Each structure stands twice: as structure tokens, then as C-alpha cells.
Amino acid sequence: MMSGKNFQGLKEQAEGAAKDAANTLGQATQDAVNQITDASQKAIDKTSKAVQDGVEKATGQAAEAMSGLGKKCGFKK
């Protein structure tokens, strides 16, 4: 039979191990969240840049088209 003292020691060890595991898991989760957040931010930045480039390109093409249309219709010489 176990004495009460041994049992208490085991209980403390088990609690300590559980806390360590929880801390490790918590840190791993936080790291994963940080990585996802960083990746999301990079993706958003990349998308924003692509959209901005696309808008600039489309605006340039629209300006050229309007200019060409103006020439065709004889508004501009």
C-alpha cells in the first residue's frame, strides 16, 4: 500500500507535468496563432498591392481608351 506522502508526491508531479504540458501547448498555440496572423497580414498586403496595381493599370488603360475614343470621334486632334 502507498503511504499518503508518496501519493502526495505523485499527485504534485502529475500536476506539475500537466501544467508544463498546458504551458507548452499554450505557447505552441500562441506561436501558431502568431504565424497565422503574420501569414494573413502578408497575404493581405500582397492582395492589396495586387489590387492597387490592377486599379492603376485599369485606370491607365481607361485613360488611354478614352483618349483613343476622343481621337476617333474627333474631339482631340
PDB file of N, CA and C in Angstrom:
ATOM      1  N   MET A   1       0.825  -1.203   0.000  1.00  0.00           N
ATOM      2  CA  MET A   1       0.000   0.000   0.000  1.00  0.00           C
ATOM      3  C   MET A   1       0.860   1.254   0.000  1.00  0.00           C
ATOM      4  N   MET A   2       0.399   2.269  -0.690  1.00  0.00           N
ATOM      5  CA  MET A   2       1.165   3.516  -0.726  1.00  0.00           C
ATOM      6  C   MET A   2       0.909   4.331   0.526  1.00  0.00           C
ATOM      7  N   SER A   3       1.942   5.007   0.950  1.00  0.00           N
ATOM      8  CA  SER A   3       1.722   5.920   2.074  1.00  0.00           C
ATOM      9  C   SER A   3       1.166   7.225   1.508  1.00  0.00           C
ATOM     10  N   GLY A   4       0.541   7.975   2.368  1.00  0.00           N
ATOM     11  CA  GLY A   4      -0.053   9.244   1.954  1.00  0.00           C
ATOM     12  C   GLY A   4       0.977  10.195   1.388  1.00  0.00           C
ATOM     13  N   LYS A   5       2.204  10.134   1.919  1.00  0.00           N
ATOM     14  CA  LYS A   5       3.268  11.047   1.493  1.00  0.00           C
ATOM     15  C   LYS A   5       3.672  10.757   0.036  1.00  0.00           C
ATOM     16  N   ASN A   6       3.840   9.474  -0.299  1.00  0.00           N
ATOM     17  CA  ASN A   6       4.199   9.104  -1.671  1.00  0.00           C
ATOM     18  C   ASN A   6       3.118   9.535  -2.652  1.00  0.00           C
ATOM     19  N   PHE A   7       1.888   9.323  -2.244  1.00  0.00           N
ATOM     20  CA  PHE A   7       0.761   9.680  -3.095  1.00  0.00           C
ATOM     21  C   PHE A   7       0.752  11.190  -3.341  1.00  0.00           C
ATOM     22  N   GLN A   8       0.993  11.958  -2.296  1.00  0.00           N
ATOM     23  CA  GLN A   8       1.030  13.425  -2.425  1.00  0.00           C
ATOM     24  C   GLN A   8       2.136  13.843  -3.400  1.00  0.00           C
ATOM     25  N   GLY A   9       3.276  13.187  -3.287  1.00  0.00           N
ATOM     26  CA  GLY A   9       4.404  13.489  -4.181  1.00  0.00           C
ATOM     27  C   GLY A   9       4.047  13.198  -5.637  1.00  0.00           C
ATOM     28  N   LEU A  10       3.404  12.060  -5.861  1.00  0.00           N
ATOM     29  CA  LEU A  10       2.990  11.683  -7.217  1.00  0.00           C
ATOM     30  C   LEU A  10       1.965  12.670  -7.762  1.00  0.00           C
ATOM     31  N   LYS A  11       1.048  13.059  -6.900  1.00  0.00           N
ATOM     32  CA  LYS A  11      -0.002  13.997  -7.290  1.00  0.00           C
ATOM     33  C   LYS A  11       0.627  15.322  -7.726  1.00  0.00           C
ATOM     34  N   GLU A  12       1.598  15.794  -6.948  1.00  0.00           N
ATOM     35  CA  GLU A  12       2.274  17.059  -7.280  1.00  0.00           C
ATOM     36  C   GLU A  12       3.036  16.928  -8.593  1.00  0.00           C
ATOM     37  N   GLN A  13       3.699  15.782  -8.782  1.00  0.00           N
ATOM     38  CA  GLN A  13       4.432  15.548 -10.038  1.00  0.00           C
ATOM     39  C   GLN A  13       3.473  15.557 -11.224  1.00  0.00           C
ATOM     40  N   ALA A  14       2.352  14.884 -11.053  1.00  0.00           N
ATOM     41  CA  ALA A  14       1.356  14.811 -12.128  1.00  0.00           C
ATOM     42  C   ALA A  14       0.802  16.199 -12.431  1.00  0.00           C
ATOM     43  N   GLU A  15       0.520  16.962 -11.372  1.00  0.00           N
ATOM     44  CA  GLU A  15       0.007  18.325 -11.576  1.00  0.00           C
ATOM     45  C   GLU A  15       1.056  19.189 -12.269  1.00  0.00           C
ATOM     46  N   GLY A  16       2.309  19.032 -11.849  1.00  0.00           N
ATOM     47  CA  GLY A  16       3.403  19.781 -12.463  1.00  0.00           C
ATOM     48  C   GLY A  16       3.532  19.443 -13.941  1.00  0.00           C
ATOM     49  N   ALA A  17       3.456  18.155 -14.250  1.00  0.00           N
ATOM     50  CA  ALA A  17       3.557  17.700 -15.641  1.00  0.00           C
ATOM     51  C   ALA A  17       2.383  18.235 -16.454  1.00  0.00           C
ATOM     52  N   ALA A  18       1.195  18.224 -15.861  1.00  0.00           N
ATOM     53  CA  ALA A  18       0.006  18.724 -16.555  1.00  0.00           C
ATOM     54  C   ALA A  18       0.143  20.218 -16.825  1.00  0.00           C
ATOM     55  N   LYS A  19       0.657  20.955 -15.839  1.00  0.00           N
ATOM     56  CA  LYS A  19       0.863  22.402 -16.021  1.00  0.00           C
ATOM     57  C   LYS A  19       1.891  22.667 -17.113  1.00  0.00           C
ATOM     58  N   ASP A  20       2.991  21.899 -17.080  1.00  0.00           N
ATOM     59  CA  ASP A  20       4.027  22.056 -18.114  1.00  0.00           C
ATOM     60  C   ASP A  20       3.449  21.788 -19.498  1.00  0.00           C
ATOM     61  N   ALA A  21       2.671  20.718 -19.596  1.00  0.00           N
ATOM     62  CA  ALA A  21       2.062  20.355 -20.879  1.00  0.00           C
ATOM     63  C   ALA A  21       1.122  21.468 -21.340  1.00  0.00           C
ATOM     64  N   ALA A  22       0.350  21.998 -20.399  1.00  0.00           N
ATOM     65  CA  ALA A  22      -0.583  23.077 -20.739  1.00  0.00           C
ATOM     66  C   ALA A  22       0.186  24.315 -21.186  1.00  0.00           C
ATOM     67  N   ASN A  23       1.269  24.622 -20.499  1.00  0.00           N
ATOM     68  CA  ASN A  23       2.085  25.789 -20.871  1.00  0.00           C
ATOM     69  C   ASN A  23       2.707  25.604 -22.249  1.00  0.00           C
ATOM     70  N   THR A  24       3.220  24.404 -22.484  1.00  0.00           N
ATOM     71  CA  THR A  24       3.827  24.088 -23.775  1.00  0.00           C
ATOM     72  C   THR A  24       2.788  24.196 -24.882  1.00  0.00           C
ATOM     73  N   LEU A  25       1.619  23.610 -24.617  1.00  0.00           N
ATOM     74  CA  LEU A  25       0.532  23.650 -25.590  1.00  0.00           C
ATOM     75  C   LEU A  25       0.095  25.092 -25.812  1.00  0.00           C
ATOM     76  N   GLY A  26      -0.033  25.843 -24.721  1.00  0.00           N
ATOM     77  CA  GLY A  26      -0.420  27.257 -24.814  1.00  0.00           C
ATOM     78  C   GLY A  26       0.560  28.034 -25.656  1.00  0.00           C
ATOM     79  N   GLN A  27       1.843  27.798 -25.440  1.00  0.00           N
ATOM     80  CA  GLN A  27       2.882  28.506 -26.208  1.00  0.00           C
ATOM     81  C   GLN A  27       2.833  28.087 -27.670  1.00  0.00           C
ATOM     82  N   ALA A  28       2.661  26.798 -27.916  1.00  0.00           N
ATOM     83  CA  ALA A  28       2.583  26.292 -29.294  1.00  0.00           C
ATOM     84  C   ALA A  28       1.376  26.904 -29.999  1.00  0.00           C
ATOM     85  N   THR A  29       0.271  26.978 -29.271  1.00  0.00           N
ATOM     86  CA  THR A  29      -0.948  27.574 -29.848  1.00  0.00           C
ATOM     87  C   THR A  29      -0.705  29.039 -30.157  1.00  0.00           C
ATOM     88  N   GLN A  30      -0.076  29.745 -29.230  1.00  0.00           N
ATOM     89  CA  GLN A  30       0.207  31.169 -29.432  1.00  0.00           C
ATOM     90  C   GLN A  30       1.133  31.354 -30.638  1.00  0.00           C
ATOM     91  N   ASP A  31       2.149  30.503 -30.742  1.00  0.00           N
ATOM     92  CA  ASP A  31       3.075  30.573 -31.886  1.00  0.00           C
ATOM     93  C   ASP A  31       2.323  30.347 -33.189  1.00  0.00           C
ATOM     94  N   ALA A  32       1.436  29.358 -33.183  1.00  0.00           N
ATOM     95  CA  ALA A  32       0.654  29.053 -34.388  1.00  0.00           C
ATOM     96  C   ALA A  32      -0.235  30.235 -34.751  1.00  0.00           C
ATOM     97  N   VAL A  33      -0.871  30.823 -33.748  1.00  0.00           N
ATOM     98  CA  VAL A  33      -1.730  31.995 -33.986  1.00  0.00           C
ATOM     99  C   VAL A  33      -0.898  33.134 -34.562  1.00  0.00           C
ATOM    100  N   ASN A  34       0.286  33.340 -33.992  1.00  0.00           N
ATOM    101  CA  ASN A  34       1.168  34.405 -34.488  1.00  0.00           C
ATOM    102  C   ASN A  34       1.573  34.155 -35.933  1.00  0.00           C
ATOM    103  N   GLN A  35       1.899  32.907 -36.244  1.00  0.00           N
ATOM    104  CA  GLN A  35       2.290  32.562 -37.616  1.00  0.00           C
ATOM    105  C   GLN A  35       1.130  32.786 -38.574  1.00  0.00           C
ATOM    106  N   ILE A  36      -0.058  32.375 -38.154  1.00  0.00           N
ATOM    107  CA  ILE A  36      -1.250  32.554 -38.999  1.00  0.00           C
ATOM    108  C   ILE A  36      -1.513  34.044 -39.192  1.00  0.00           C
ATOM    109  N   THR A  37      -1.397  34.814 -38.117  1.00  0.00           N
ATOM    110  CA  THR A  37      -1.619  36.257 -38.177  1.00  0.00           C
ATOM    111  C   THR A  37      -0.611  36.895 -39.129  1.00  0.00           C
ATOM    112  N   ASP A  38       0.671  36.515 -38.984  1.00  0.00           N
ATOM    113  CA  ASP A  38       1.714  37.052 -39.868  1.00  0.00           C
ATOM    114  C   ASP A  38       1.421  36.687 -41.318  1.00  0.00           C
ATOM    115  N   ALA A  39       1.080  35.418 -41.550  1.00  0.00           N
ATOM    116  CA  ALA A  39       0.802  34.939 -42.910  1.00  0.00           C
ATOM    117  C   ALA A  39      -0.399  35.683 -43.488  1.00  0.00           C
ATOM    118  N   SER A  40      -1.427  35.862 -42.663  1.00  0.00           N
ATOM    119  CA  SER A  40      -2.623  36.581 -43.118  1.00  0.00           C
ATOM    120  C   SER A  40      -2.278  38.011 -43.485  1.00  0.00           C
ATOM    121  N   GLN A  41      -1.478  38.652 -42.642  1.00  0.00           N
ATOM    122  CA  GLN A  41      -1.102  40.049 -42.890  1.00  0.00           C
ATOM    123  C   GLN A  41      -0.306  40.152 -44.189  1.00  0.00           C
ATOM    124  N   LYS A  42       0.614  39.196 -44.405  1.00  0.00           N
ATOM    125  CA  LYS A  42       1.413  39.198 -45.637  1.00  0.00           C
ATOM    126  C   LYS A  42       0.507  38.989 -46.846  1.00  0.00           C
ATOM    127  N   ALA A  43      -0.445  38.073 -46.715  1.00  0.00           N
ATOM    128  CA  ALA A  43      -1.374  37.800 -47.816  1.00  0.00           C
ATOM    129  C   ALA A  43      -2.223  39.032 -48.106  1.00  0.00           C
ATOM    130  N   ILE A  44      -2.675  39.696 -47.036  1.00  0.00           N
ATOM    131  CA  ILE A  44      -3.491  40.908 -47.211  1.00  0.00           C
ATOM    132  C   ILE A  44      -2.650  41.994 -47.894  1.00  0.00           C
ATOM    133  N   ASP A  45      -1.410  42.146 -47.449  1.00  0.00           N
ATOM    134  CA  ASP A  45      -0.524  43.151 -48.049  1.00  0.00           C
ATOM    135  C   ASP A  45      -0.316  42.854 -49.532  1.00  0.00           C
ATOM    136  N   LYS A  46      -0.073  41.583 -49.842  1.00  0.00           N
ATOM    137  CA  LYS A  46       0.165  41.158 -51.221  1.00  0.00           C
ATOM    138  C   LYS A  46      -1.085  41.406 -52.076  1.00  0.00           C
ATOM    139  N   THR A  47      -2.238  41.047 -51.527  1.00  0.00           N
ATOM    140  CA  THR A  47      -3.508  41.238 -52.235  1.00  0.00           C
ATOM    141  C   THR A  47      -3.773  42.720 -52.451  1.00  0.00           C
ATOM    142  N   SER A  48      -3.555  43.516 -51.405  1.00  0.00           N
ATOM    143  CA  SER A  48      -3.769  44.966 -51.513  1.00  0.00           C
ATOM    144  C   SER A  48      -2.882  45.549 -52.605  1.00  0.00           C
ATOM    145  N   LYS A  49      -1.635  45.101 -52.634  1.00  0.00           N
ATOM    146  CA  LYS A  49      -0.682  45.593 -53.641  1.00  0.00           C
ATOM    147  C   LYS A  49      -1.160  45.189 -55.036  1.00  0.00           C
ATOM    148  N   ALA A  50      -1.588  43.944 -55.174  1.00  0.00           N
ATOM    149  CA  ALA A  50      -2.066  43.449 -56.470  1.00  0.00           C
ATOM    150  C   ALA A  50      -3.303  44.227 -56.908  1.00  0.00           C
ATOM    151  N   VAL A  51      -4.203  44.474 -55.982  1.00  0.00           N
ATOM    152  CA  VAL A  51      -5.428  45.229 -56.299  1.00  0.00           C
ATOM    153  C   VAL A  51      -5.052  46.649 -56.702  1.00  0.00           C
ATOM    154  N   GLN A  52      -4.150  47.252 -55.953  1.00  0.00           N
ATOM    155  CA  GLN A  52      -3.710  48.623 -56.247  1.00  0.00           C
ATOM    156  C   GLN A  52      -3.064  48.678 -57.639  1.00  0.00           C
ATOM    157  N   ASP A  53      -2.188  47.706 -57.929  1.00  0.00           N
ATOM    158  CA  ASP A  53      -1.547  47.638 -59.250  1.00  0.00           C
ATOM    159  C   ASP A  53      -2.607  47.464 -60.335  1.00  0.00           C
ATOM    160  N   GLY A  54      -3.572  46.595 -60.064  1.00  0.00           N
ATOM    161  CA  GLY A  54      -4.649  46.336 -61.021  1.00  0.00           C
ATOM    162  C   GLY A  54      -5.467  47.592 -61.285  1.00  0.00           C
ATOM    163  N   VAL A  55      -5.774  48.324 -60.232  1.00  0.00           N
ATOM    164  CA  VAL A  55      -6.560  49.562 -60.373  1.00  0.00           C
ATOM    165  C   VAL A  55      -5.766  50.585 -61.178  1.00  0.00           C
ATOM    166  N   GLU A  56      -4.479  50.700 -60.863  1.00  0.00           N
ATOM    167  CA  GLU A  56      -3.637  51.657 -61.591  1.00  0.00           C
ATOM    168  C   GLU A  56      -3.561  51.286 -63.068  1.00  0.00           C
ATOM    169  N   LYS A  57      -3.395  49.998 -63.339  1.00  0.00           N
ATOM    170  CA  LYS A  57      -3.313  49.518 -64.716  1.00  0.00           C
ATOM    171  C   LYS A  57      -4.638  49.778 -65.443  1.00  0.00           C
ATOM    172  N   ALA A  58      -5.735  49.442 -64.781  1.00  0.00           N
ATOM    173  CA  ALA A  58      -7.062  49.632 -65.380  1.00  0.00           C
ATOM    174  C   ALA A  58      -7.331  51.121 -65.617  1.00  0.00           C
ATOM    175  N   THR A  59      -6.932  51.953 -64.666  1.00  0.00           N
ATOM    176  CA  THR A  59      -7.119  53.403 -64.806  1.00  0.00           C
ATOM    177  C   THR A  59      -6.319  53.912 -65.992  1.00  0.00           C
ATOM    178  N   GLY A  60      -5.090  53.432 -66.114  1.00  0.00           N
ATOM    179  CA  GLY A  60      -4.237  53.814 -67.248  1.00  0.00           C
ATOM    180  C   GLY A  60      -4.846  53.375 -68.566  1.00  0.00           C
ATOM    181  N   GLN A  61      -5.350  52.157 -68.606  1.00  0.00           N
ATOM    182  CA  GLN A  61      -5.975  51.634 -69.829  1.00  0.00           C
ATOM    183  C   GLN A  61      -7.239  52.409 -70.160  1.00  0.00           C
ATOM    184  N   ALA A  62      -8.010  52.756 -69.135  1.00  0.00           N
ATOM    185  CA  ALA A  62      -9.243  53.522 -69.351  1.00  0.00           C
ATOM    186  C   ALA A  62      -8.901  54.896 -69.899  1.00  0.00           C
ATOM    187  N   ALA A  63      -7.865  55.498 -69.349  1.00  0.00           N
ATOM    188  CA  ALA A  63      -7.442  56.828 -69.823  1.00  0.00           C
ATOM    189  C   ALA A  63      -7.003  56.744 -71.278  1.00  0.00           C
ATOM    190  N   GLU A  64      -6.239  55.694 -71.604  1.00  0.00           N
ATOM    191  CA  GLU A  64      -5.804  55.502 -72.991  1.00  0.00           C
ATOM    192  C   GLU A  64      -7.003  55.268 -73.903  1.00  0.00           C
ATOM    193  N   ALA A  65      -7.939  54.458 -73.441  1.00  0.00           N
ATOM    194  CA  ALA A  65      -9.133  54.151 -74.239  1.00  0.00           C
ATOM    195  C   ALA A  65      -9.938  55.420 -74.476  1.00  0.00           C
ATOM    196  N   MET A  66     -10.096  56.223 -73.448  1.00  0.00           N
ATOM    197  CA  MET A  66     -10.852  57.478 -73.592  1.00  0.00           C
ATOM    198  C   MET A  66     -10.126  58.410 -74.552  1.00  0.00           C
ATOM    199  N   SER A  67      -8.825  58.442 -74.439  1.00  0.00           N
ATOM    200  CA  SER A  67      -8.013  59.280 -75.315  1.00  0.00           C
ATOM    201  C   SER A  67      -8.169  58.814 -76.765  1.00  0.00           C
ATOM    202  N   GLY A  68      -8.096  57.492 -76.948  1.00  0.00           N
ATOM    203  CA  GLY A  68      -8.266  56.900 -78.281  1.00  0.00           C
ATOM    204  C   GLY A  68      -9.656  57.164 -78.820  1.00  0.00           C
ATOM    205  N   LEU A  69     -10.653  57.044 -77.973  1.00  0.00           N
ATOM    206  CA  LEU A  69     -12.044  57.278 -78.348  1.00  0.00           C
ATOM    207  C   LEU A  69     -12.223  58.740 -78.746  1.00  0.00           C
ATOM    208  N   GLY A  70     -11.611  59.615 -77.964  1.00  0.00           N
ATOM    209  CA  GLY A  70     -11.681  61.050 -78.263  1.00  0.00           C
ATOM    210  C   GLY A  70     -11.095  61.348 -79.625  1.00  0.00           C
ATOM    211  N   LYS A  71      -9.984  60.713 -79.938  1.00  0.00           N
ATOM    212  CA  LYS A  71      -9.321  60.920 -81.239  1.00  0.00           C
ATOM    213  C   LYS A  71     -10.219  60.403 -82.357  1.00  0.00           C
ATOM    214  N   LYS A  72     -10.803  59.210 -82.141  1.00  0.00           N
ATOM    215  CA  LYS A  72     -11.665  58.593 -83.160  1.00  0.00           C
ATOM    216  C   LYS A  72     -12.868  59.475 -83.428  1.00  0.00           C
ATOM    217  N   CYS A  73     -13.432  60.059 -82.390  1.00  0.00           N
ATOM    218  CA  CYS A  73     -14.648  60.866 -82.550  1.00  0.00           C
ATOM    219  C   CYS A  73     -14.311  62.290 -82.970  1.00  0.00           C
ATOM    220  N   GLY A  74     -13.024  62.581 -83.033  1.00  0.00           N
ATOM    221  CA  GLY A  74     -12.601  63.904 -83.471  1.00  0.00           C
ATOM    222  C   GLY A  74     -12.651  64.970 -82.399  1.00  0.00           C
ATOM    223  N   PHE A  75     -12.729  64.556 -81.107  1.00  0.00           N
ATOM    224  CA  PHE A  75     -12.708  65.568 -80.035  1.00  0.00           C
ATOM    225  C   PHE A  75     -11.313  66.133 -79.898  1.00  0.00           C
ATOM    226  N   LYS A  76     -10.341  65.225 -80.051  1.00  0.00           N
ATOM    227  CA  LYS A  76      -8.944  65.667 -79.916  1.00  0.00           C
ATOM    228  C   LYS A  76      -8.268  65.516 -81.255  1.00  0.00           C
ATOM    229  N   LYS A  77      -7.402  66.430 -81.571  1.00  0.00           N
ATOM    230  CA  LYS A  77      -6.647  66.347 -82.833  1.00  0.00           C
ATOM    231  C   LYS A  77      -5.302  65.728 -82.584  1.00  0.00           C
TER     232      LYS A  77
END
